[in-house]
Amino acid sequence: MSEKEKVVVFMGSFNPPHYGHLLSIDRILAIRKELHLFVRYNEGVDLTSRDMKMKWFEKISADRDHRVHVHMFSTDDFKGKSYTGNIFASFIRLFEEMLDRPIDEVWVGEDGVKLVEATRDQFPNISFRICERVCNSTAIREDFEGHKDWLPDFIREDLARILKEE
């Protein structure tokens, strides 16, 4: 299997997706043929509905010639819990089940370094890669007005409307 044909996963909450996420996706696609993006939807925590979030990611995929395959998932068992090595490992196993094939490479944000360290030995055939943090979703959630420039126009406009309605 060539480097470009590897089964590559990028995972996160992406709440909301911002330019840092898009930069990471584009960096991955520069070296890989396609990407499986596993997007966690967390009811009551996400800024928007599941449908709206999926609409955003469908556009993100379309803008990249559909080389990004979006998989939305929810995990009520872990709702409100911080990620641990065990939860991270269970996500990887879930993704392999969903894809029905082994994963070759997993990308996570810089906040996932400790999770990778805690689980790397359980997945000796997976290469783990860390994406550089450029923006921060938490900062956007806490201060939308102060950080709205970190968002693509279509997401910023939807969020501005949603937040105004609240």
N, C-alpha and C. Protein backbone atom coordinates (compact mmCIF):
# COMPACT_ATOMS: atom_id res chain seq x y z
N MET A 1 0.84 -1.18 0.00
CA MET A 1 0.00 0.00 0.00
C MET A 1 0.89 1.24 0.00
N SER A 2 0.60 2.14 -0.90
CA SER A 2 1.41 3.36 -0.97
C SER A 2 1.02 4.29 0.18
N GLU A 3 1.90 5.23 0.46
CA GLU A 3 1.65 6.20 1.53
C GLU A 3 0.32 6.93 1.31
N LYS A 4 0.01 7.26 0.08
CA LYS A 4 -1.22 8.01 -0.21
C LYS A 4 -2.47 7.17 0.00
N GLU A 5 -2.36 5.84 -0.06
CA GLU A 5 -3.54 4.97 0.03
C GLU A 5 -3.83 4.48 1.44
N LYS A 6 -3.10 4.92 2.42
CA LYS A 6 -3.33 4.49 3.79
C LYS A 6 -4.72 4.88 4.27
N VAL A 7 -5.25 4.09 5.22
CA VAL A 7 -6.51 4.44 5.88
C VAL A 7 -6.15 5.43 6.99
N VAL A 8 -6.53 6.66 6.76
CA VAL A 8 -6.13 7.76 7.64
C VAL A 8 -7.36 8.35 8.32
N VAL A 9 -7.23 8.56 9.64
CA VAL A 9 -8.32 9.08 10.46
C VAL A 9 -7.85 10.35 11.15
N PHE A 10 -8.73 11.35 11.17
CA PHE A 10 -8.54 12.56 11.97
C PHE A 10 -9.80 12.64 12.81
N MET A 11 -9.63 12.78 14.11
CA MET A 11 -10.78 12.71 15.00
C MET A 11 -10.81 13.89 15.95
N GLY A 12 -12.03 14.24 16.35
CA GLY A 12 -12.19 15.31 17.32
C GLY A 12 -13.64 15.74 17.45
N SER A 13 -13.87 16.69 18.33
CA SER A 13 -15.21 17.25 18.51
C SER A 13 -15.49 18.34 17.49
N PHE A 14 -14.46 19.06 17.08
CA PHE A 14 -14.62 20.11 16.07
C PHE A 14 -15.82 21.00 16.43
N ASN A 15 -15.80 21.55 17.62
CA ASN A 15 -16.95 22.29 18.16
C ASN A 15 -16.56 23.72 18.50
N PRO A 16 -16.59 24.61 17.52
CA PRO A 16 -16.94 24.46 16.12
C PRO A 16 -15.71 24.20 15.26
N PRO A 17 -15.92 23.76 14.02
CA PRO A 17 -14.78 23.65 13.10
C PRO A 17 -14.26 25.04 12.75
N HIS A 18 -12.94 25.21 12.77
CA HIS A 18 -12.34 26.52 12.52
C HIS A 18 -11.17 26.38 11.55
N TYR A 19 -10.53 27.51 11.23
CA TYR A 19 -9.45 27.50 10.25
C TYR A 19 -8.30 26.57 10.64
N GLY A 20 -8.04 26.40 11.92
CA GLY A 20 -6.99 25.47 12.33
C GLY A 20 -7.32 24.04 11.93
N HIS A 21 -8.58 23.65 12.10
CA HIS A 21 -9.00 22.31 11.67
C HIS A 21 -8.86 22.16 10.15
N LEU A 22 -9.30 23.20 9.43
CA LEU A 22 -9.23 23.12 7.96
C LEU A 22 -7.78 23.06 7.49
N LEU A 23 -6.90 23.80 8.14
CA LEU A 23 -5.47 23.74 7.80
C LEU A 23 -4.92 22.34 8.04
N SER A 24 -5.30 21.73 9.15
CA SER A 24 -4.85 20.36 9.44
C SER A 24 -5.37 19.38 8.39
N ILE A 25 -6.65 19.51 8.03
CA ILE A 25 -7.23 18.64 7.00
C ILE A 25 -6.46 18.81 5.69
N ASP A 26 -6.19 20.04 5.30
CA ASP A 26 -5.47 20.29 4.05
C ASP A 26 -4.04 19.76 4.09
N ARG A 27 -3.40 19.85 5.24
CA ARG A 27 -2.03 19.31 5.37
C ARG A 27 -2.05 17.78 5.23
N ILE A 28 -3.05 17.14 5.81
CA ILE A 28 -3.16 15.68 5.69
C ILE A 28 -3.41 15.30 4.23
N LEU A 29 -4.34 16.00 3.58
CA LEU A 29 -4.66 15.69 2.19
C LEU A 29 -3.51 15.97 1.23
N ALA A 30 -2.57 16.80 1.64
CA ALA A 30 -1.40 17.06 0.80
C ALA A 30 -0.50 15.82 0.71
N ILE A 31 -0.60 14.94 1.71
CA ILE A 31 0.26 13.75 1.72
C ILE A 31 -0.52 12.44 1.67
N ARG A 32 -1.85 12.52 1.73
CA ARG A 32 -2.68 11.33 1.71
C ARG A 32 -3.79 11.48 0.68
N LYS A 33 -4.19 10.36 0.10
CA LYS A 33 -5.21 10.37 -0.95
C LYS A 33 -6.58 10.79 -0.42
N GLU A 34 -6.94 10.28 0.75
CA GLU A 34 -8.23 10.61 1.35
C GLU A 34 -8.11 10.54 2.86
N LEU A 35 -9.16 11.06 3.50
CA LEU A 35 -9.15 11.17 4.95
C LEU A 35 -10.53 10.80 5.49
N HIS A 36 -10.53 10.00 6.55
CA HIS A 36 -11.77 9.70 7.27
C HIS A 36 -11.80 10.61 8.49
N LEU A 37 -12.75 11.53 8.48
CA LEU A 37 -12.89 12.50 9.55
C LEU A 37 -13.99 12.03 10.50
N PHE A 38 -13.61 11.69 11.72
CA PHE A 38 -14.58 11.25 12.72
C PHE A 38 -14.89 12.43 13.62
N VAL A 39 -16.14 12.88 13.52
CA VAL A 39 -16.60 14.09 14.19
C VAL A 39 -17.55 13.68 15.32
N ARG A 40 -17.16 14.02 16.53
CA ARG A 40 -18.00 13.69 17.68
C ARG A 40 -19.08 14.76 17.83
N TYR A 41 -20.32 14.29 17.93
CA TYR A 41 -21.42 15.20 18.26
C TYR A 41 -21.81 14.94 19.70
N ASN A 42 -21.82 15.99 20.48
CA ASN A 42 -22.08 15.88 21.91
C ASN A 42 -23.30 16.74 22.26
N GLU A 43 -24.48 16.12 22.26
CA GLU A 43 -25.75 16.81 22.55
C GLU A 43 -25.64 17.60 23.85
N GLY A 44 -26.04 18.86 23.79
CA GLY A 44 -25.99 19.71 24.98
C GLY A 44 -24.67 20.41 25.18
N VAL A 45 -23.64 19.98 24.46
CA VAL A 45 -22.33 20.61 24.53
C VAL A 45 -22.03 21.34 23.23
N ASP A 46 -22.38 20.71 22.11
CA ASP A 46 -22.14 21.34 20.80
C ASP A 46 -22.94 22.63 20.69
N LEU A 47 -22.37 23.58 19.96
CA LEU A 47 -23.01 24.88 19.77
C LEU A 47 -24.22 24.83 18.85
N THR A 48 -24.38 23.75 18.13
CA THR A 48 -25.42 23.68 17.10
C THR A 48 -26.03 22.29 17.07
N SER A 49 -26.97 22.11 16.18
CA SER A 49 -27.61 20.81 16.03
C SER A 49 -26.69 19.84 15.29
N ARG A 50 -26.99 18.58 15.41
CA ARG A 50 -26.25 17.55 14.67
C ARG A 50 -26.38 17.79 13.17
N ASP A 51 -27.59 18.13 12.70
CA ASP A 51 -27.81 18.37 11.26
C ASP A 51 -26.98 19.54 10.75
N MET A 52 -26.93 20.62 11.51
CA MET A 52 -26.15 21.79 11.10
C MET A 52 -24.66 21.43 11.05
N LYS A 53 -24.19 20.73 12.05
CA LYS A 53 -22.77 20.34 12.09
C LYS A 53 -22.44 19.45 10.89
N MET A 54 -23.34 18.52 10.57
CA MET A 54 -23.11 17.65 9.42
C MET A 54 -23.11 18.46 8.13
N LYS A 55 -23.98 19.44 8.02
CA LYS A 55 -24.03 20.30 6.84
C LYS A 55 -22.68 21.02 6.65
N TRP A 56 -22.11 21.51 7.74
CA TRP A 56 -20.80 22.17 7.65
C TRP A 56 -19.74 21.21 7.11
N PHE A 57 -19.73 19.99 7.63
CA PHE A 57 -18.71 19.04 7.21
C PHE A 57 -18.94 18.52 5.80
N GLU A 58 -20.18 18.45 5.37
CA GLU A 58 -20.44 18.10 3.97
C GLU A 58 -19.86 19.17 3.03
N LYS A 59 -19.97 20.44 3.42
CA LYS A 59 -19.38 21.51 2.62
C LYS A 59 -17.85 21.43 2.65
N ILE A 60 -17.31 21.19 3.83
CA ILE A 60 -15.85 21.05 3.96
C ILE A 60 -15.36 19.93 3.04
N SER A 61 -16.07 18.80 3.02
CA SER A 61 -15.69 17.69 2.15
C SER A 61 -15.83 18.07 0.68
N ALA A 62 -16.96 18.67 0.31
CA ALA A 62 -17.18 19.07 -1.09
C ALA A 62 -16.11 20.04 -1.56
N ASP A 63 -15.69 20.94 -0.70
CA ASP A 63 -14.65 21.91 -1.06
C ASP A 63 -13.29 21.24 -1.28
N ARG A 64 -13.17 20.00 -0.88
CA ARG A 64 -11.93 19.23 -1.03
C ARG A 64 -12.17 18.02 -1.93
N ASP A 65 -13.00 18.20 -2.93
CA ASP A 65 -13.29 17.16 -3.92
C ASP A 65 -13.75 15.85 -3.30
N HIS A 66 -14.43 15.92 -2.19
CA HIS A 66 -14.98 14.75 -1.48
C HIS A 66 -13.90 13.74 -1.10
N ARG A 67 -12.68 14.23 -0.89
CA ARG A 67 -11.60 13.36 -0.40
C ARG A 67 -11.67 13.19 1.11
N VAL A 68 -12.55 13.97 1.75
CA VAL A 68 -12.80 13.85 3.18
C VAL A 68 -14.11 13.10 3.37
N HIS A 69 -14.03 11.96 4.03
CA HIS A 69 -15.21 11.14 4.30
C HIS A 69 -15.61 11.40 5.75
N VAL A 70 -16.76 12.01 5.94
CA VAL A 70 -17.18 12.45 7.26
C VAL A 70 -18.03 11.37 7.94
N HIS A 71 -17.66 11.06 9.16
CA HIS A 71 -18.38 10.09 9.98
C HIS A 71 -18.75 10.79 11.29
N MET A 72 -20.02 11.07 11.48
CA MET A 72 -20.47 11.70 12.71
C MET A 72 -20.81 10.60 13.70
N PHE A 73 -20.37 10.78 14.94
CA PHE A 73 -20.70 9.78 15.96
C PHE A 73 -21.02 10.47 17.27
N SER A 74 -21.82 9.81 18.07
CA SER A 74 -22.17 10.29 19.41
C SER A 74 -21.82 9.19 20.40
N THR A 75 -21.47 9.59 21.57
CA THR A 75 -21.09 8.62 22.59
C THR A 75 -21.71 9.03 23.92
N ASP A 76 -22.95 8.67 24.09
CA ASP A 76 -23.65 9.02 25.33
C ASP A 76 -22.96 8.46 26.56
N ASP A 77 -22.29 7.31 26.41
CA ASP A 77 -21.59 6.71 27.55
C ASP A 77 -20.50 7.63 28.10
N PHE A 78 -19.97 8.50 27.25
CA PHE A 78 -18.86 9.36 27.66
C PHE A 78 -19.26 10.82 27.77
N LYS A 79 -20.56 11.10 27.72
CA LYS A 79 -21.04 12.48 27.72
C LYS A 79 -20.56 13.21 28.98
N GLY A 80 -19.94 14.37 28.74
CA GLY A 80 -19.49 15.20 29.85
C GLY A 80 -18.19 14.73 30.49
N LYS A 81 -17.63 13.63 29.99
CA LYS A 81 -16.40 13.11 30.58
C LYS A 81 -15.20 13.57 29.77
N SER A 82 -14.10 13.79 30.45
CA SER A 82 -12.85 14.10 29.77
C SER A 82 -12.33 12.83 29.11
N TYR A 83 -11.67 13.01 28.00
CA TYR A 83 -11.09 11.85 27.32
C TYR A 83 -10.00 11.27 28.19
N THR A 84 -9.96 9.94 28.23
CA THR A 84 -8.87 9.21 28.88
C THR A 84 -8.25 8.30 27.83
N GLY A 85 -7.14 7.68 28.17
CA GLY A 85 -6.53 6.73 27.25
C GLY A 85 -7.49 5.61 26.87
N ASN A 86 -8.27 5.13 27.85
CA ASN A 86 -9.22 4.04 27.57
C ASN A 86 -10.33 4.50 26.63
N ILE A 87 -10.83 5.70 26.83
CA ILE A 87 -11.88 6.22 25.94
C ILE A 87 -11.32 6.42 24.54
N PHE A 88 -10.12 6.97 24.45
CA PHE A 88 -9.46 7.18 23.16
C PHE A 88 -9.29 5.85 22.43
N ALA A 89 -8.82 4.83 23.15
CA ALA A 89 -8.64 3.51 22.55
C ALA A 89 -9.99 2.93 22.09
N SER A 90 -11.03 3.15 22.89
CA SER A 90 -12.35 2.63 22.48
C SER A 90 -12.84 3.34 21.23
N PHE A 91 -12.53 4.61 21.07
CA PHE A 91 -12.90 5.33 19.85
C PHE A 91 -12.18 4.73 18.64
N ILE A 92 -10.91 4.45 18.77
CA ILE A 92 -10.16 3.86 17.65
C ILE A 92 -10.77 2.52 17.25
N ARG A 93 -11.10 1.70 18.22
CA ARG A 93 -11.74 0.40 17.92
C ARG A 93 -13.10 0.61 17.25
N LEU A 94 -13.87 1.58 17.75
CA LEU A 94 -15.17 1.89 17.14
C LEU A 94 -14.99 2.31 15.68
N PHE A 95 -14.01 3.15 15.42
CA PHE A 95 -13.78 3.63 14.05
C PHE A 95 -13.38 2.49 13.13
N GLU A 96 -12.55 1.57 13.63
CA GLU A 96 -12.17 0.42 12.81
C GLU A 96 -13.41 -0.45 12.50
N GLU A 97 -14.30 -0.59 13.47
CA GLU A 97 -15.54 -1.32 13.23
C GLU A 97 -16.39 -0.60 12.19
N MET A 98 -16.51 0.71 12.31
CA MET A 98 -17.33 1.49 11.38
C MET A 98 -16.77 1.41 9.96
N LEU A 99 -15.45 1.42 9.84
CA LEU A 99 -14.80 1.36 8.52
C LEU A 99 -14.70 -0.07 8.00
N ASP A 100 -14.80 -1.04 8.89
CA ASP A 100 -14.66 -2.45 8.56
C ASP A 100 -13.30 -2.75 7.95
N ARG A 101 -12.29 -2.07 8.45
CA ARG A 101 -10.90 -2.33 8.05
C ARG A 101 -9.97 -1.65 9.04
N PRO A 102 -8.73 -2.11 9.10
CA PRO A 102 -7.80 -1.52 10.06
C PRO A 102 -7.39 -0.10 9.66
N ILE A 103 -7.10 0.67 10.67
CA ILE A 103 -6.63 2.04 10.47
C ILE A 103 -5.11 2.02 10.43
N ASP A 104 -4.54 2.76 9.50
CA ASP A 104 -3.07 2.85 9.39
C ASP A 104 -2.51 4.05 10.13
N GLU A 105 -3.29 5.13 10.17
CA GLU A 105 -2.75 6.38 10.71
C GLU A 105 -3.86 7.17 11.39
N VAL A 106 -3.58 7.69 12.59
CA VAL A 106 -4.53 8.51 13.34
C VAL A 106 -3.89 9.87 13.61
N TRP A 107 -4.62 10.92 13.26
CA TRP A 107 -4.19 12.29 13.53
C TRP A 107 -5.06 12.86 14.63
N VAL A 108 -4.45 13.56 15.57
CA VAL A 108 -5.17 14.25 16.64
C VAL A 108 -4.53 15.62 16.84
N GLY A 109 -5.27 16.50 17.50
CA GLY A 109 -4.73 17.81 17.83
C GLY A 109 -3.70 17.70 18.94
N GLU A 110 -3.00 18.80 19.20
CA GLU A 110 -1.97 18.80 20.23
C GLU A 110 -2.51 18.42 21.60
N ASP A 111 -3.80 18.67 21.84
CA ASP A 111 -4.39 18.29 23.12
C ASP A 111 -4.52 16.77 23.26
N GLY A 112 -4.24 16.03 22.21
CA GLY A 112 -4.32 14.58 22.25
C GLY A 112 -3.00 13.86 22.49
N VAL A 113 -1.93 14.61 22.74
CA VAL A 113 -0.61 13.99 22.92
C VAL A 113 -0.61 12.97 24.05
N LYS A 114 -1.18 13.32 25.19
CA LYS A 114 -1.20 12.39 26.33
C LYS A 114 -2.05 11.16 26.03
N LEU A 115 -3.11 11.33 25.26
CA LEU A 115 -3.95 10.19 24.89
C LEU A 115 -3.17 9.23 24.00
N VAL A 116 -2.43 9.79 23.06
CA VAL A 116 -1.61 8.95 22.18
C VAL A 116 -0.58 8.19 23.00
N GLU A 117 0.09 8.89 23.91
CA GLU A 117 1.10 8.24 24.75
C GLU A 117 0.49 7.12 25.58
N ALA A 118 -0.74 7.30 26.03
CA ALA A 118 -1.40 6.30 26.88
C ALA A 118 -1.89 5.08 26.10
N THR A 119 -2.03 5.20 24.78
CA THR A 119 -2.63 4.10 24.02
C THR A 119 -1.74 3.55 22.91
N ARG A 120 -0.65 4.18 22.63
CA ARG A 120 0.20 3.78 21.49
C ARG A 120 0.55 2.29 21.53
N ASP A 121 0.85 1.75 22.69
CA ASP A 121 1.25 0.34 22.79
C ASP A 121 0.12 -0.62 22.43
N GLN A 122 -1.14 -0.18 22.56
CA GLN A 122 -2.28 -1.03 22.23
C GLN A 122 -2.49 -1.15 20.72
N PHE A 123 -1.87 -0.25 19.96
CA PHE A 123 -2.06 -0.20 18.51
C PHE A 123 -0.71 -0.10 17.79
N PRO A 124 0.08 -1.18 17.85
CA PRO A 124 1.43 -1.12 17.28
C PRO A 124 1.46 -0.92 15.77
N ASN A 125 0.35 -1.21 15.08
CA ASN A 125 0.32 -1.06 13.62
C ASN A 125 -0.21 0.29 13.15
N ILE A 126 -0.55 1.14 14.10
CA ILE A 126 -1.07 2.47 13.76
C ILE A 126 0.02 3.51 14.00
N SER A 127 0.17 4.39 13.03
CA SER A 127 1.07 5.53 13.18
C SER A 127 0.23 6.70 13.71
N PHE A 128 0.68 7.31 14.79
CA PHE A 128 -0.03 8.44 15.37
C PHE A 128 0.69 9.73 15.00
N ARG A 129 -0.09 10.71 14.57
CA ARG A 129 0.45 12.01 14.15
C ARG A 129 -0.28 13.11 14.90
N ILE A 130 0.44 14.15 15.23
CA ILE A 130 -0.11 15.27 15.98
C ILE A 130 -0.20 16.50 15.07
N CYS A 131 -1.39 17.12 15.06
CA CYS A 131 -1.60 18.36 14.29
C CYS A 131 -1.24 19.55 15.17
N GLU A 132 -0.56 20.48 14.59
CA GLU A 132 -0.19 21.71 15.30
C GLU A 132 -1.46 22.52 15.61
N ARG A 133 -1.53 23.04 16.82
CA ARG A 133 -2.68 23.87 17.20
C ARG A 133 -2.47 25.29 16.67
N VAL A 134 -3.45 25.75 15.93
CA VAL A 134 -3.41 27.09 15.36
C VAL A 134 -4.49 27.96 16.00
N CYS A 135 -5.65 27.37 16.21
CA CYS A 135 -6.78 28.05 16.83
C CYS A 135 -7.29 27.14 17.95
N ASN A 136 -8.28 27.64 18.69
CA ASN A 136 -8.77 26.89 19.83
C ASN A 136 -10.29 26.98 19.88
N SER A 137 -10.97 25.84 19.75
CA SER A 137 -12.43 25.83 19.77
C SER A 137 -13.00 26.33 21.09
N THR A 138 -12.33 26.01 22.19
CA THR A 138 -12.81 26.48 23.50
C THR A 138 -12.84 28.00 23.54
N ALA A 139 -11.81 28.64 23.02
CA ALA A 139 -11.79 30.11 23.01
C ALA A 139 -12.95 30.67 22.19
N ILE A 140 -13.28 30.01 21.08
CA ILE A 140 -14.40 30.46 20.25
C ILE A 140 -15.71 30.29 21.02
N ARG A 141 -15.89 29.17 21.68
CA ARG A 141 -17.13 28.93 22.43
C ARG A 141 -17.28 29.94 23.57
N GLU A 142 -16.16 30.29 24.21
CA GLU A 142 -16.23 31.20 25.35
C GLU A 142 -16.35 32.66 24.94
N ASP A 143 -15.85 33.02 23.76
CA ASP A 143 -15.88 34.42 23.32
C ASP A 143 -16.02 34.45 21.80
N PHE A 144 -17.24 34.19 21.33
CA PHE A 144 -17.50 34.14 19.90
C PHE A 144 -17.09 35.43 19.21
N GLU A 145 -17.52 36.56 19.73
CA GLU A 145 -17.22 37.86 19.09
C GLU A 145 -15.73 38.10 18.99
N GLY A 146 -14.99 37.73 20.00
CA GLY A 146 -13.55 37.96 20.02
C GLY A 146 -12.76 37.03 19.12
N HIS A 147 -13.37 35.92 18.72
CA HIS A 147 -12.64 34.92 17.94
C HIS A 147 -13.35 34.52 16.65
N LYS A 148 -14.37 35.25 16.25
CA LYS A 148 -15.15 34.85 15.08
C LYS A 148 -14.34 34.86 13.79
N ASP A 149 -13.23 35.59 13.77
CA ASP A 149 -12.39 35.61 12.57
C ASP A 149 -11.66 34.28 12.35
N TRP A 150 -11.69 33.41 13.32
CA TRP A 150 -11.08 32.08 13.18
C TRP A 150 -11.99 31.12 12.43
N LEU A 151 -13.20 31.57 12.09
CA LEU A 151 -14.20 30.69 11.48
C LEU A 151 -14.41 31.01 10.01
N PRO A 152 -14.59 29.98 9.18
CA PRO A 152 -14.99 30.22 7.79
C PRO A 152 -16.33 30.96 7.77
N ASP A 153 -16.56 31.75 6.74
CA ASP A 153 -17.76 32.58 6.66
C ASP A 153 -19.04 31.78 6.88
N PHE A 154 -19.19 30.63 6.21
CA PHE A 154 -20.45 29.89 6.31
C PHE A 154 -20.71 29.39 7.72
N ILE A 155 -19.69 29.08 8.48
CA ILE A 155 -19.86 28.65 9.87
C ILE A 155 -20.10 29.86 10.76
N ARG A 156 -19.34 30.92 10.56
CA ARG A 156 -19.50 32.14 11.36
C ARG A 156 -20.93 32.69 11.22
N GLU A 157 -21.45 32.72 9.99
CA GLU A 157 -22.80 33.24 9.76
C GLU A 157 -23.86 32.38 10.46
N ASP A 158 -23.74 31.06 10.35
CA ASP A 158 -24.70 30.18 11.02
C ASP A 158 -24.63 30.34 12.53
N LEU A 159 -23.42 30.39 13.08
CA LEU A 159 -23.29 30.51 14.53
C LEU A 159 -23.79 31.86 15.04
N ALA A 160 -23.52 32.93 14.29
CA ALA A 160 -24.00 34.24 14.69
C ALA A 160 -25.53 34.25 14.78
N ARG A 161 -26.17 33.61 13.81
CA ARG A 161 -27.63 33.54 13.81
C ARG A 161 -28.12 32.69 14.98
N ILE A 162 -27.50 31.56 15.21
CA ILE A 162 -27.91 30.67 16.31
C ILE A 162 -27.72 31.35 17.66
N LEU A 163 -26.58 31.98 17.86
CA LEU A 163 -26.31 32.65 19.14
C LEU A 163 -27.23 33.84 19.37
N LYS A 164 -27.60 34.52 18.29
CA LYS A 164 -28.53 35.65 18.40
C LYS A 164 -29.91 35.17 18.81
N GLU A 165 -30.32 33.98 18.35
CA GLU A 165 -31.63 33.42 18.67
C GLU A 165 -31.74 32.96 20.11
N GLU A 166 -30.60 32.68 20.74
CA GLU A 166 -30.61 32.16 22.13
C GLU A 166 -30.94 33.25 23.13
